[in-house]
Amino acid sequence: MKQLFFVLIFFISSHVFTQAGVYIIDNNHKHSDGTKLNWTLTLNEDGTFLYHFFRDISAISKANSAEKFYGKGTWQAEGNLVFFYTDKNTEMDDVYKINFTNSKARYITKSPRDKTDKVVNTALRFYESDLFYIKGLELFKQ
C-alpha cells in the first residue's frame, strides 16, 4: 500500500514539474514601426510565478525608450489547466503591478497518442483573464 501511495504521489508531482519552467515570446526582430516586444513567464516548482513584459519603443518615441511591466503570484495546475492568483496585499507593489487573479491558461503539448512526425511546441495559452492583453496570449516553453 505504501508503494502504491508513493507511485501515485510521484506521478502527480511529476505532472506539475513538467509544467514548471520558463515560457517566452521573444520578438527581438523589429516590427514595421521599429518596436521590439518580449514576454517572459517563469513558473517555479514551488507554485510561484514571475511575469515580465518588455517593449522597446525607442524607434517611435525618444522620450520613452522602453516600457517594462511585472507581475507575480502563485499558480496551480489541475490536469492541463493552470490557474493564476495574485494577492493584492503581499504580491503587488510599485514594481509588480499586474494582477493575474482570474487568469487561466491551458498547457499545450503533443498528445502521447499522436504517432505522427508533427512538431508541437510546448506552450501555455491564456484562454481567460480579466486582463485584455493577456487573454489569447500564447507563450512557448524555453
Protein backbone atom coordinates (compact mmCIF):
# COMPACT_ATOMS: atom_id res chain seq x y z
CA MET A 1 0.00 0.00 0.00
CA LYS A 2 2.84 2.39 0.83
CA GLN A 3 4.45 1.71 -2.54
CA LEU A 4 1.20 2.40 -4.39
CA PHE A 5 0.82 5.68 -2.50
CA PHE A 6 4.42 6.67 -3.33
CA VAL A 7 3.94 5.90 -7.04
CA LEU A 8 0.71 7.90 -7.12
CA ILE A 9 2.34 10.93 -5.47
CA PHE A 10 5.32 10.64 -7.82
CA PHE A 11 3.13 10.80 -10.95
CA ILE A 12 1.08 13.72 -9.65
CA SER A 13 4.24 15.65 -8.71
CA SER A 14 5.96 14.91 -12.00
CA HIS A 15 2.99 16.33 -13.91
CA VAL A 16 3.32 19.64 -12.04
CA PHE A 17 7.10 19.71 -12.59
CA THR A 18 6.66 19.26 -16.35
CA GLN A 19 4.57 22.43 -16.44
CA ALA A 20 7.10 24.42 -14.42
CA GLY A 21 9.66 26.32 -16.47
CA VAL A 22 10.19 29.50 -18.44
CA TYR A 23 7.68 30.43 -21.14
CA ILE A 24 8.55 33.22 -23.55
CA ILE A 25 7.70 35.10 -26.70
CA ASP A 26 10.90 36.73 -27.85
CA ASN A 27 10.16 39.17 -30.66
CA ASN A 28 13.55 40.84 -30.83
CA HIS A 29 13.10 41.36 -34.53
CA LYS A 30 11.74 44.82 -35.17
CA HIS A 31 8.13 45.30 -36.18
CA SER A 32 7.21 47.59 -39.05
CA ASP A 33 7.18 50.57 -36.65
CA GLY A 34 10.55 49.59 -35.12
CA THR A 35 9.31 48.33 -31.75
CA LYS A 36 10.54 45.16 -30.03
CA LEU A 37 8.40 43.04 -27.68
CA ASN A 38 9.34 40.35 -25.13
CA TRP A 39 7.07 38.37 -22.80
CA THR A 40 8.51 36.08 -20.10
CA LEU A 41 6.53 33.94 -17.67
CA THR A 42 8.51 31.84 -15.19
CA LEU A 43 6.57 29.08 -13.40
CA ASN A 44 8.56 27.92 -10.39
CA GLU A 45 8.22 24.42 -8.95
CA ASP A 46 7.20 25.87 -5.58
CA GLY A 47 3.96 27.20 -7.13
CA THR A 48 5.03 30.81 -7.61
CA PHE A 49 5.38 32.70 -10.90
CA LEU A 50 7.02 35.85 -12.25
CA TYR A 51 5.78 37.72 -15.31
CA HIS A 52 7.80 40.28 -17.26
CA PHE A 53 6.74 42.27 -20.31
CA PHE A 54 9.26 44.47 -22.11
CA ARG A 55 8.62 46.79 -25.05
CA ASP A 56 11.38 48.82 -26.70
CA ILE A 57 9.74 51.83 -28.31
CA SER A 58 12.86 53.91 -28.91
CA ALA A 59 12.19 53.88 -32.65
CA ILE A 60 8.88 55.72 -32.28
CA SER A 61 9.35 57.68 -29.03
CA LYS A 62 12.66 59.19 -27.98
CA ALA A 63 11.28 60.41 -24.65
CA ASN A 64 10.25 56.92 -23.51
CA SER A 65 12.68 54.34 -24.85
CA ALA A 66 11.33 51.29 -23.01
CA GLU A 67 8.32 50.07 -21.10
CA LYS A 68 8.54 47.29 -18.51
CA PHE A 69 5.68 45.66 -16.64
CA TYR A 70 5.96 43.00 -13.93
CA GLY A 71 3.62 40.64 -12.14
CA LYS A 72 3.97 37.83 -9.63
CA GLY A 73 1.84 35.46 -7.66
CA THR A 74 1.01 31.77 -7.33
CA TRP A 75 -0.11 29.19 -9.84
CA GLN A 76 -1.87 25.86 -9.53
CA ALA A 77 -2.13 23.08 -12.09
CA GLU A 78 -5.18 20.87 -12.47
CA GLY A 79 -4.75 18.49 -15.40
CA ASN A 80 -3.87 20.57 -18.46
CA LEU A 81 -5.18 23.79 -16.90
CA VAL A 82 -3.11 26.33 -15.00
CA PHE A 83 -4.78 28.84 -12.66
CA PHE A 84 -3.07 32.07 -11.60
CA TYR A 85 -3.63 34.08 -8.41
CA THR A 86 -2.15 37.35 -7.13
CA ASP A 87 -2.58 38.55 -3.57
CA LYS A 88 -3.06 42.32 -3.76
CA ASN A 89 -1.73 42.86 -0.23
CA THR A 90 1.52 40.88 -0.38
CA GLU A 91 2.44 40.38 -4.05
CA MET A 92 1.64 43.76 -5.57
CA ASP A 93 3.77 46.88 -5.03
CA ASP A 94 5.35 49.70 -7.03
CA VAL A 95 7.22 47.23 -9.27
CA TYR A 96 4.81 44.28 -9.51
CA LYS A 97 1.62 45.99 -10.67
CA ILE A 98 -0.12 43.33 -12.78
CA ASN A 99 -2.87 41.33 -11.07
CA PHE A 100 -3.23 37.84 -12.59
CA THR A 101 -6.18 36.79 -10.42
CA ASN A 102 -8.89 35.08 -12.52
CA SER A 103 -6.37 34.24 -15.27
CA LYS A 104 -6.48 30.72 -16.66
CA ALA A 105 -4.19 29.03 -19.18
CA ARG A 106 -4.12 25.70 -20.96
CA TYR A 107 -0.94 23.61 -21.12
CA ILE A 108 -0.39 22.62 -24.76
CA THR A 109 1.80 19.70 -25.75
CA LYS A 110 1.80 16.91 -28.29
CA SER A 111 -0.59 14.13 -27.36
CA PRO A 112 1.14 10.86 -26.42
CA ARG A 113 -1.35 9.12 -28.73
CA ASP A 114 -0.16 11.18 -31.73
CA LYS A 115 2.41 8.99 -33.51
CA THR A 116 2.95 11.36 -36.46
CA ASP A 117 6.06 13.45 -37.03
CA LYS A 118 4.09 16.63 -36.36
CA VAL A 119 6.04 19.03 -34.14
CA VAL A 120 4.03 20.68 -31.37
CA ASN A 121 5.94 23.22 -29.29
CA THR A 122 5.08 23.05 -25.60
CA ALA A 123 3.21 26.21 -24.68
CA LEU A 124 0.80 27.93 -22.33
CA ARG A 125 -2.20 29.63 -23.91
CA PHE A 126 -4.26 32.02 -21.78
CA TYR A 127 -7.93 31.46 -22.56
CA GLU A 128 -9.49 33.51 -19.76
CA SER A 129 -8.31 36.62 -17.93
CA ASP A 130 -9.52 39.93 -16.57
CA LEU A 131 -6.51 41.48 -18.37
CA PHE A 132 -7.45 42.09 -22.01
CA TYR A 133 -3.82 41.92 -23.17
CA ILE A 134 -3.24 38.52 -21.53
CA LYS A 135 -6.33 36.77 -22.90
CA GLY A 136 -5.29 34.81 -26.00
CA LEU A 137 -1.57 35.16 -25.29
CA GLU A 138 0.44 32.03 -26.13
CA LEU A 139 3.88 31.64 -24.55
CA PHE A 140 6.27 28.88 -25.64
CA LYS A 141 8.37 26.84 -23.23
CA GLN A 142 12.06 27.65 -23.44
